[in-house]
């Protein structure tokens, strides 16, 4: 009895599905730097273009050359790192466009969203999830000099709770949504505001008058 009492029942940890991220960038040094940064995440498995894993990628990180040359399968959602202001291309698999200088935190958030079917831009989301609703008028265009994020009503609610310091579980409980959905809203807000983290997002939102603290 003493021996069995001392024994503990080991419960297997649930397996984490790692998203395979194909990195197709002309700048080899930048590609390797981002691959190292993304590999630090438990749920991302980065691979460089040319490694032979492109066909099984869940999501791709590309530049204009890779997008225009169709180096990535049309079925693979893409996040574009663009050096051209206002770059637009009607690619069905383009889910988000970020500045070429975007940091790894923003890129990681965008990749997770794109892999789950979310289209994110500063003009508002076009989504595969019923909890997202864009409210930006079609004839309203963002000013490159002073971009004001177009948040959906739900994202505005999440932002207000972020300003209160609420973690994802509290946000989910207060808004009666899943923690998974709360995480996606937070990630979308970070991308739209160009914020490195939650604290940065609140600072930016305060400057833009999106929240009052």
C-alpha atoms as a PDB file:
ATOM      1  CA  UNK A   1       0.000   0.000   0.000  1.00  0.00           C
ATOM      2  CA  UNK A   2       2.819   2.370   0.889  1.00  0.00           C
ATOM      3  CA  UNK A   3       4.472   1.690  -2.416  1.00  0.00           C
ATOM      4  CA  UNK A   4       1.300   2.228  -4.401  1.00  0.00           C
ATOM      5  CA  UNK A   5       0.474   5.340  -2.395  1.00  0.00           C
ATOM      6  CA  UNK A   6       3.864   6.752  -3.227  1.00  0.00           C
ATOM      7  CA  UNK A   7       3.301   6.147  -6.859  1.00  0.00           C
ATOM      8  CA  UNK A   8       1.714   8.945  -8.843  1.00  0.00           C
ATOM      9  CA  UNK A   9      -0.416   8.447 -11.867  1.00  0.00           C
ATOM     10  CA  UNK A  10       1.263  10.150 -14.779  1.00  0.00           C
ATOM     11  CA  UNK A  11      -1.254  11.715 -17.089  1.00  0.00           C
ATOM     12  CA  UNK A  12       0.041  12.317 -20.592  1.00  0.00           C
ATOM     13  CA  UNK A  13       0.231  15.964 -21.595  1.00  0.00           C
ATOM     14  CA  UNK A  14      -2.004  16.828 -24.543  1.00  0.00           C
ATOM     15  CA  UNK A  15      -0.010  16.977 -27.755  1.00  0.00           C
ATOM     16  CA  UNK A  16       0.552  20.472 -29.112  1.00  0.00           C
ATOM     17  CA  UNK A  17      -0.115  20.804 -32.818  1.00  0.00           C
ATOM     18  CA  UNK A  18       2.768  22.745 -34.307  1.00  0.00           C
ATOM     19  CA  UNK A  19       1.970  24.891 -37.319  1.00  0.00           C
ATOM     20  CA  UNK A  20       4.457  24.407 -40.122  1.00  0.00           C
ATOM     21  CA  UNK A  21       5.510  27.879 -41.305  1.00  0.00           C
ATOM     22  CA  UNK A  22       7.141  28.155 -44.718  1.00  0.00           C
ATOM     23  CA  UNK A  23       9.462  31.180 -44.868  1.00  0.00           C
ATOM     24  CA  UNK A  24       9.987  32.386 -48.451  1.00  0.00           C
ATOM     25  CA  UNK A  25      11.988  35.616 -48.308  1.00  0.00           C
ATOM     26  CA  UNK A  26      14.611  36.917 -50.706  1.00  0.00           C
ATOM     27  CA  UNK A  27      16.686  38.203 -47.792  1.00  0.00           C
ATOM     28  CA  UNK A  28      18.324  34.984 -46.562  1.00  0.00           C
ATOM     29  CA  UNK A  29      19.686  36.564 -43.377  1.00  0.00           C
ATOM     30  CA  UNK A  30      16.262  37.962 -42.445  1.00  0.00           C
ATOM     31  CA  UNK A  31      14.654  34.594 -43.212  1.00  0.00           C
ATOM     32  CA  UNK A  32      17.072  32.737 -40.921  1.00  0.00           C
ATOM     33  CA  UNK A  33      16.634  35.343 -38.182  1.00  0.00           C
ATOM     34  CA  UNK A  34      12.853  34.981 -38.280  1.00  0.00           C
ATOM     35  CA  UNK A  35      13.091  31.191 -38.441  1.00  0.00           C
ATOM     36  CA  UNK A  36      15.093  31.216 -35.204  1.00  0.00           C
ATOM     37  CA  UNK A  37      12.610  33.599 -33.551  1.00  0.00           C
ATOM     38  CA  UNK A  38       9.567  31.569 -34.618  1.00  0.00           C
ATOM     39  CA  UNK A  39      11.183  28.307 -33.504  1.00  0.00           C
ATOM     40  CA  UNK A  40      11.126  29.648 -29.944  1.00  0.00           C
ATOM     41  CA  UNK A  41       7.318  29.283 -29.962  1.00  0.00           C
ATOM     42  CA  UNK A  42       6.013  25.893 -28.861  1.00  0.00           C
ATOM     43  CA  UNK A  43       3.323  25.849 -31.538  1.00  0.00           C
ATOM     44  CA  UNK A  44       5.338  26.944 -34.607  1.00  0.00           C
ATOM     45  CA  UNK A  45       7.675  24.869 -36.765  1.00  0.00           C
ATOM     46  CA  UNK A  46       9.442  27.174 -39.238  1.00  0.00           C
ATOM     47  CA  UNK A  47      11.034  25.858 -42.424  1.00  0.00           C
ATOM     48  CA  UNK A  48      12.951  27.792 -45.078  1.00  0.00           C
ATOM     49  CA  UNK A  49      11.870  27.716 -48.715  1.00  0.00           C
ATOM     50  CA  UNK A  50      13.726  25.065 -50.656  1.00  0.00           C
ATOM     51  CA  UNK A  51      13.775  22.573 -47.799  1.00  0.00           C
ATOM     52  CA  UNK A  52      11.113  20.442 -49.490  1.00  0.00           C
ATOM     53  CA  UNK A  53       8.398  21.012 -46.857  1.00  0.00           C
ATOM     54  CA  UNK A  54       6.565  23.827 -48.654  1.00  0.00           C
ATOM     55  CA  UNK A  55       3.807  21.560 -49.893  1.00  0.00           C
ATOM     56  CA  UNK A  56       2.769  20.607 -46.355  1.00  0.00           C
ATOM     57  CA  UNK A  57       3.037  24.095 -44.799  1.00  0.00           C
ATOM     58  CA  UNK A  58       0.081  25.332 -42.731  1.00  0.00           C
ATOM     59  CA  UNK A  59       0.953  28.984 -43.392  1.00  0.00           C
ATOM     60  CA  UNK A  60       3.644  30.918 -45.257  1.00  0.00           C
ATOM     61  CA  UNK A  61       5.637  34.086 -44.609  1.00  0.00           C
ATOM     62  CA  UNK A  62       6.512  35.686 -47.947  1.00  0.00           C
ATOM     63  CA  UNK A  63       7.795  38.832 -49.643  1.00  0.00           C
ATOM     64  CA  UNK A  64       6.489  40.396 -52.870  1.00  0.00           C
ATOM     65  CA  UNK A  65       8.763  38.306 -55.094  1.00  0.00           C
ATOM     66  CA  UNK A  66       7.601  35.022 -53.592  1.00  0.00           C
ATOM     67  CA  UNK A  67       3.950  36.077 -53.759  1.00  0.00           C
ATOM     68  CA  UNK A  68       4.124  37.221 -57.375  1.00  0.00           C
ATOM     69  CA  UNK A  69       6.132  34.186 -58.526  1.00  0.00           C
ATOM     70  CA  UNK A  70       3.619  31.855 -56.875  1.00  0.00           C
ATOM     71  CA  UNK A  71       6.418  30.118 -54.999  1.00  0.00           C
ATOM     72  CA  UNK A  72       3.836  29.087 -52.408  1.00  0.00           C
ATOM     73  CA  UNK A  73       0.888  26.791 -53.033  1.00  0.00           C
ATOM     74  CA  UNK A  74      -2.350  28.752 -53.700  1.00  0.00           C
ATOM     75  CA  UNK A  75      -3.952  26.700 -50.925  1.00  0.00           C
ATOM     76  CA  UNK A  76      -1.495  27.957 -48.301  1.00  0.00           C
ATOM     77  CA  UNK A  77      -2.509  31.130 -46.401  1.00  0.00           C
ATOM     78  CA  UNK A  78       0.196  33.791 -46.654  1.00  0.00           C
ATOM     79  CA  UNK A  79       1.424  36.669 -44.522  1.00  0.00           C
ATOM     80  CA  UNK A  80       3.243  39.247 -46.650  1.00  0.00           C
ATOM     81  CA  UNK A  81       6.181  41.327 -45.463  1.00  0.00           C
ATOM     82  CA  UNK A  82       6.047  44.326 -47.785  1.00  0.00           C
ATOM     83  CA  UNK A  83       8.516  47.149 -48.412  1.00  0.00           C
ATOM     84  CA  UNK A  84       5.982  49.015 -50.532  1.00  0.00           C
ATOM     85  CA  UNK A  85       3.592  51.395 -48.774  1.00  0.00           C
ATOM     86  CA  UNK A  86       0.018  50.534 -49.653  1.00  0.00           C
ATOM     87  CA  UNK A  87       1.009  47.363 -51.507  1.00  0.00           C
ATOM     88  CA  UNK A  88      -2.085  45.571 -52.758  1.00  0.00           C
ATOM     89  CA  UNK A  89      -2.518  42.378 -54.681  1.00  0.00           C
ATOM     90  CA  UNK A  90      -5.645  40.357 -55.172  1.00  0.00           C
ATOM     91  CA  UNK A  91      -4.177  37.020 -54.141  1.00  0.00           C
ATOM     92  CA  UNK A  92      -6.755  34.685 -52.705  1.00  0.00           C
ATOM     93  CA  UNK A  93      -4.273  33.240 -50.247  1.00  0.00           C
ATOM     94  CA  UNK A  94      -2.999  36.609 -48.936  1.00  0.00           C
ATOM     95  CA  UNK A  95      -4.354  36.919 -45.397  1.00  0.00           C
ATOM     96  CA  UNK A  96      -2.291  39.735 -43.888  1.00  0.00           C
ATOM     97  CA  UNK A  97       0.219  42.382 -44.959  1.00  0.00           C
ATOM     98  CA  UNK A  98       2.820  43.718 -42.535  1.00  0.00           C
ATOM     99  CA  UNK A  99       5.747  46.139 -42.952  1.00  0.00           C
ATOM    100  CA  UNK A 100       8.984  44.401 -43.917  1.00  0.00           C
ATOM    101  CA  UNK A 101      10.471  45.666 -40.634  1.00  0.00           C
ATOM    102  CA  UNK A 102       7.722  44.105 -38.457  1.00  0.00           C
ATOM    103  CA  UNK A 103       9.069  42.378 -35.363  1.00  0.00           C
ATOM    104  CA  UNK A 104       8.723  38.683 -34.634  1.00  0.00           C
ATOM    105  CA  UNK A 105       5.870  39.181 -32.134  1.00  0.00           C
ATOM    106  CA  UNK A 106       3.628  40.818 -34.727  1.00  0.00           C
ATOM    107  CA  UNK A 107       4.630  38.290 -37.370  1.00  0.00           C
ATOM    108  CA  UNK A 108       3.910  35.381 -35.025  1.00  0.00           C
ATOM    109  CA  UNK A 109       0.442  36.731 -34.206  1.00  0.00           C
ATOM    110  CA  UNK A 110      -0.340  37.274 -37.889  1.00  0.00           C
ATOM    111  CA  UNK A 111       0.796  33.770 -38.824  1.00  0.00           C
ATOM    112  CA  UNK A 112      -1.429  32.174 -36.186  1.00  0.00           C
ATOM    113  CA  UNK A 113      -4.417  34.193 -37.338  1.00  0.00           C
ATOM    114  CA  UNK A 114      -3.824  33.445 -41.018  1.00  0.00           C
ATOM    115  CA  UNK A 115      -3.429  29.725 -40.329  1.00  0.00           C
ATOM    116  CA  UNK A 116      -6.854  29.778 -38.662  1.00  0.00           C
ATOM    117  CA  UNK A 117      -8.514  31.501 -41.612  1.00  0.00           C
ATOM    118  CA  UNK A 118      -8.560  35.135 -40.465  1.00  0.00           C
ATOM    119  CA  UNK A 119      -7.822  37.943 -42.918  1.00  0.00           C
ATOM    120  CA  UNK A 120      -6.381  40.857 -40.990  1.00  0.00           C
ATOM    121  CA  UNK A 121      -5.602  44.378 -42.161  1.00  0.00           C
ATOM    122  CA  UNK A 122      -5.695  47.877 -40.723  1.00  0.00           C
ATOM    123  CA  UNK A 123      -8.884  48.413 -42.685  1.00  0.00           C
ATOM    124  CA  UNK A 124     -10.628  45.741 -40.674  1.00  0.00           C
ATOM    125  CA  UNK A 125     -10.895  41.949 -40.696  1.00  0.00           C
ATOM    126  CA  UNK A 126     -12.520  39.708 -43.266  1.00  0.00           C
ATOM    127  CA  UNK A 127     -13.002  36.612 -41.262  1.00  0.00           C
ATOM    128  CA  UNK A 128     -13.886  32.962 -41.157  1.00  0.00           C
ATOM    129  CA  UNK A 129     -15.119  33.326 -37.584  1.00  0.00           C
ATOM    130  CA  UNK A 130     -18.587  34.599 -36.730  1.00  0.00           C
ATOM    131  CA  UNK A 131     -17.404  36.665 -33.774  1.00  0.00           C
ATOM    132  CA  UNK A 132     -15.501  39.124 -35.980  1.00  0.00           C
ATOM    133  CA  UNK A 133     -17.361  42.007 -37.663  1.00  0.00           C
ATOM    134  CA  UNK A 134     -15.735  44.798 -39.664  1.00  0.00           C
ATOM    135  CA  UNK A 135     -17.364  48.213 -39.333  1.00  0.00           C
ATOM    136  CA  UNK A 136     -15.127  50.383 -41.559  1.00  0.00           C
ATOM    137  CA  UNK A 137     -16.849  52.213 -44.399  1.00  0.00           C
ATOM    138  CA  UNK A 138     -15.693  51.201 -47.887  1.00  0.00           C
ATOM    139  CA  UNK A 139     -14.818  54.795 -48.808  1.00  0.00           C
ATOM    140  CA  UNK A 140     -12.816  55.375 -45.610  1.00  0.00           C
ATOM    141  CA  UNK A 141      -9.093  54.990 -46.218  1.00  0.00           C
ATOM    142  CA  UNK A 142      -6.329  54.950 -43.597  1.00  0.00           C
ATOM    143  CA  UNK A 143      -3.854  57.810 -43.448  1.00  0.00           C
ATOM    144  CA  UNK A 144      -0.289  56.489 -43.674  1.00  0.00           C
ATOM    145  CA  UNK A 145       0.962  59.372 -41.522  1.00  0.00           C
ATOM    146  CA  UNK A 146      -1.442  58.767 -38.661  1.00  0.00           C
ATOM    147  CA  UNK A 147      -3.106  55.396 -38.887  1.00  0.00           C
ATOM    148  CA  UNK A 148      -6.151  54.990 -36.678  1.00  0.00           C
ATOM    149  CA  UNK A 149      -7.002  51.354 -36.218  1.00  0.00           C
ATOM    150  CA  UNK A 150     -10.429  50.209 -37.347  1.00  0.00           C
ATOM    151  CA  UNK A 151     -11.557  47.941 -34.536  1.00  0.00           C
ATOM    152  CA  UNK A 152     -14.728  45.904 -34.634  1.00  0.00           C
ATOM    153  CA  UNK A 153     -17.206  46.432 -31.765  1.00  0.00           C
ATOM    154  CA  UNK A 154     -16.037  43.196 -30.162  1.00  0.00           C
ATOM    155  CA  UNK A 155     -12.377  44.182 -30.468  1.00  0.00           C
ATOM    156  CA  UNK A 156     -13.204  47.514 -28.840  1.00  0.00           C
ATOM    157  CA  UNK A 157     -14.703  45.602 -25.894  1.00  0.00           C
ATOM    158  CA  UNK A 158     -11.604  43.419 -25.661  1.00  0.00           C
ATOM    159  CA  UNK A 159      -9.372  46.500 -25.816  1.00  0.00           C
ATOM    160  CA  UNK A 160     -11.282  48.102 -22.936  1.00  0.00           C
ATOM    161  CA  UNK A 161     -10.737  44.972 -20.840  1.00  0.00           C
ATOM    162  CA  UNK A 162      -7.053  44.922 -21.797  1.00  0.00           C
ATOM    163  CA  UNK A 163      -6.849  48.463 -20.464  1.00  0.00           C
ATOM    164  CA  UNK A 164      -8.175  47.125 -17.153  1.00  0.00           C
ATOM    165  CA  UNK A 165      -5.371  44.555 -17.125  1.00  0.00           C
ATOM    166  CA  UNK A 166      -7.658  41.594 -17.734  1.00  0.00           C
ATOM    167  CA  UNK A 167      -5.966  38.333 -18.866  1.00  0.00           C
ATOM    168  CA  UNK A 168      -7.455  36.183 -21.624  1.00  0.00           C
ATOM    169  CA  UNK A 169      -9.479  34.015 -19.219  1.00  0.00           C
ATOM    170  CA  UNK A 170     -11.126  37.052 -17.645  1.00  0.00           C
ATOM    171  CA  UNK A 171     -11.820  38.576 -21.065  1.00  0.00           C
ATOM    172  CA  UNK A 172     -13.444  35.319 -22.158  1.00  0.00           C
ATOM    173  CA  UNK A 173     -15.591  35.120 -19.036  1.00  0.00           C
ATOM    174  CA  UNK A 174     -16.671  38.785 -19.139  1.00  0.00           C
ATOM    175  CA  UNK A 175     -17.622  38.651 -22.827  1.00  0.00           C
ATOM    176  CA  UNK A 176     -19.001  35.100 -22.731  1.00  0.00           C
ATOM    177  CA  UNK A 177     -16.611  33.855 -25.396  1.00  0.00           C
ATOM    178  CA  UNK A 178     -14.020  31.093 -25.419  1.00  0.00           C
ATOM    179  CA  UNK A 179     -10.445  31.709 -24.302  1.00  0.00           C
ATOM    180  CA  UNK A 180      -9.387  30.657 -27.807  1.00  0.00           C
ATOM    181  CA  UNK A 181     -11.522  33.418 -29.346  1.00  0.00           C
ATOM    182  CA  UNK A 182     -10.246  35.943 -26.799  1.00  0.00           C
ATOM    183  CA  UNK A 183      -6.668  35.154 -27.833  1.00  0.00           C
ATOM    184  CA  UNK A 184      -7.492  35.785 -31.475  1.00  0.00           C
ATOM    185  CA  UNK A 185      -9.116  39.121 -30.672  1.00  0.00           C
ATOM    186  CA  UNK A 186      -6.052  40.187 -28.692  1.00  0.00           C
ATOM    187  CA  UNK A 187      -3.739  39.128 -31.524  1.00  0.00           C
ATOM    188  CA  UNK A 188      -5.845  41.030 -34.073  1.00  0.00           C
ATOM    189  CA  UNK A 189      -5.721  44.165 -31.904  1.00  0.00           C
ATOM    190  CA  UNK A 190      -1.934  43.943 -31.606  1.00  0.00           C
ATOM    191  CA  UNK A 191      -1.599  43.679 -35.385  1.00  0.00           C
ATOM    192  CA  UNK A 192      -3.983  46.531 -36.127  1.00  0.00           C
ATOM    193  CA  UNK A 193      -2.329  48.840 -33.617  1.00  0.00           C
ATOM    194  CA  UNK A 194       1.181  47.768 -34.606  1.00  0.00           C
ATOM    195  CA  UNK A 195       1.861  46.989 -30.955  1.00  0.00           C
ATOM    196  CA  UNK A 196       4.661  44.788 -29.652  1.00  0.00           C
ATOM    197  CA  UNK A 197       2.667  43.613 -26.612  1.00  0.00           C
ATOM    198  CA  UNK A 198      -0.420  44.359 -24.512  1.00  0.00           C
ATOM    199  CA  UNK A 199       1.147  47.285 -22.664  1.00  0.00           C
ATOM    200  CA  UNK A 200       2.249  48.829 -25.940  1.00  0.00           C
ATOM    201  CA  UNK A 201      -1.254  48.309 -27.361  1.00  0.00           C
ATOM    202  CA  UNK A 202      -2.838  50.221 -24.480  1.00  0.00           C
ATOM    203  CA  UNK A 203      -0.339  53.081 -24.857  1.00  0.00           C
ATOM    204  CA  UNK A 204      -1.083  53.336 -28.585  1.00  0.00           C
ATOM    205  CA  UNK A 205      -4.833  53.087 -28.003  1.00  0.00           C
ATOM    206  CA  UNK A 206      -4.678  55.889 -25.444  1.00  0.00           C
ATOM    207  CA  UNK A 207      -2.782  58.135 -27.867  1.00  0.00           C
ATOM    208  CA  UNK A 208      -5.396  57.466 -30.526  1.00  0.00           C
ATOM    209  CA  UNK A 209      -8.270  58.070 -28.124  1.00  0.00           C
ATOM    210  CA  UNK A 210      -9.531  54.483 -28.415  1.00  0.00           C
ATOM    211  CA  UNK A 211      -9.576  53.962 -24.643  1.00  0.00           C
ATOM    212  CA  UNK A 212      -9.718  56.187 -21.596  1.00  0.00           C
ATOM    213  CA  UNK A 213      -7.832  54.972 -18.532  1.00  0.00           C
END
